[in-house]
């Protein structure tokens, strides 16, 4: 009877360890399983910096997050439309 009880305890211990590892991993990655999917946003943005040395530029939309465009065809103070995922600095698409 004691071996049966220790088997049940072992199963419970393994299950608790798996659940604990799951939550530790979620905490390390910012609980991505609990975050809703972010929205894709089209927004106007102004080119605030144009780097002539490498052709990149920095744009800023209404959310005030600066975003970079490599090989930027725009000039400083141009107003363009950018597509990005809300809350990130990655631009998915840009057009004049």
Protein backbone atom coordinates (compact mmCIF):
# COMPACT_ATOMS: atom_id res chain seq x y z
CA UNK A 1 0.00 0.00 0.00
CA UNK A 2 2.85 2.42 0.72
CA UNK A 3 4.35 1.86 -2.76
CA UNK A 4 0.98 2.76 -4.34
CA UNK A 5 0.82 5.96 -2.32
CA UNK A 6 4.36 6.96 -3.28
CA UNK A 7 3.49 6.33 -6.96
CA UNK A 8 0.58 8.76 -6.71
CA UNK A 9 2.81 11.30 -5.00
CA UNK A 10 5.40 10.90 -7.76
CA UNK A 11 2.77 11.52 -10.46
CA UNK A 12 1.53 14.61 -8.61
CA UNK A 13 5.10 15.84 -8.18
CA UNK A 14 5.85 15.39 -11.91
CA UNK A 15 2.60 17.15 -12.87
CA UNK A 16 3.37 20.05 -10.53
CA UNK A 17 6.88 20.29 -11.98
CA UNK A 18 5.53 20.45 -15.54
CA UNK A 19 3.04 23.17 -14.62
CA UNK A 20 5.77 25.08 -12.78
CA UNK A 21 8.15 24.88 -15.75
CA UNK A 22 5.36 26.09 -18.05
CA UNK A 23 4.76 29.20 -15.93
CA UNK A 24 8.48 29.90 -15.53
CA UNK A 25 8.91 29.81 -19.32
CA UNK A 26 5.88 32.05 -19.78
CA UNK A 27 7.33 34.54 -17.29
CA UNK A 28 10.66 34.54 -19.13
CA UNK A 29 8.96 35.41 -22.41
CA UNK A 30 6.48 37.96 -21.02
CA UNK A 31 3.46 35.66 -20.79
CA UNK A 32 2.86 35.49 -24.58
CA UNK A 33 0.13 32.86 -24.21
CA UNK A 34 -2.02 35.34 -22.28
CA UNK A 35 -1.55 38.29 -24.66
CA UNK A 36 -4.18 38.90 -27.30
CA UNK A 37 -2.98 39.11 -30.87
CA UNK A 38 -1.77 42.64 -31.67
CA UNK A 39 -3.50 44.64 -34.35
CA UNK A 40 -1.95 45.65 -37.67
CA UNK A 41 -2.09 49.44 -37.98
CA UNK A 42 -1.88 51.78 -40.99
CA UNK A 43 -0.85 55.23 -39.85
CA UNK A 44 0.65 58.47 -41.12
CA UNK A 45 4.23 59.07 -40.07
CA UNK A 46 6.74 61.89 -40.48
CA UNK A 47 10.35 61.30 -41.51
CA UNK A 48 12.20 62.92 -38.62
CA UNK A 49 15.78 61.88 -39.46
CA UNK A 50 17.36 61.05 -42.83
CA UNK A 51 20.84 59.51 -42.60
CA UNK A 52 22.65 60.31 -45.84
CA UNK A 53 25.58 57.99 -45.05
CA UNK A 54 23.61 54.74 -45.18
CA UNK A 55 20.32 55.91 -46.74
CA UNK A 56 18.17 54.99 -43.75
CA UNK A 57 15.60 57.19 -42.06
CA UNK A 58 13.68 57.32 -38.82
CA UNK A 59 9.92 57.91 -38.89
CA UNK A 60 7.51 58.60 -36.07
CA UNK A 61 3.78 57.88 -36.13
CA UNK A 62 1.08 59.06 -33.72
CA UNK A 63 2.09 56.42 -31.15
CA UNK A 64 5.44 58.27 -30.78
CA UNK A 65 7.52 55.08 -31.29
CA UNK A 66 10.47 55.80 -33.62
CA UNK A 67 10.81 53.27 -36.45
CA UNK A 68 13.64 52.78 -38.92
CA UNK A 69 13.45 52.29 -42.70
CA UNK A 70 16.59 51.05 -44.42
CA UNK A 71 17.25 52.26 -47.98
CA UNK A 72 14.75 55.04 -47.36
CA UNK A 73 13.55 56.83 -50.52
CA UNK A 74 11.99 59.71 -48.54
CA UNK A 75 13.36 63.05 -47.38
CA UNK A 76 13.22 64.69 -43.94
CA UNK A 77 9.73 66.04 -43.07
CA UNK A 78 7.99 63.87 -45.69
CA UNK A 79 4.65 62.46 -44.51
CA UNK A 80 4.25 58.79 -45.42
CA UNK A 81 1.93 55.90 -44.56
CA UNK A 82 3.41 53.00 -42.61
CA UNK A 83 1.98 49.63 -41.67
CA UNK A 84 3.13 48.09 -38.40
CA UNK A 85 2.05 45.80 -35.60
CA UNK A 86 0.70 47.81 -32.68
CA UNK A 87 3.22 48.22 -29.87
CA UNK A 88 6.28 47.22 -31.94
CA UNK A 89 8.90 49.21 -33.80
CA UNK A 90 8.93 46.94 -36.87
CA UNK A 91 7.53 48.43 -40.09
CA UNK A 92 5.78 45.90 -42.31
CA UNK A 93 5.19 48.27 -45.24
CA UNK A 94 5.61 51.94 -46.16
CA UNK A 95 4.40 54.14 -49.00
CA UNK A 96 4.28 57.86 -49.83
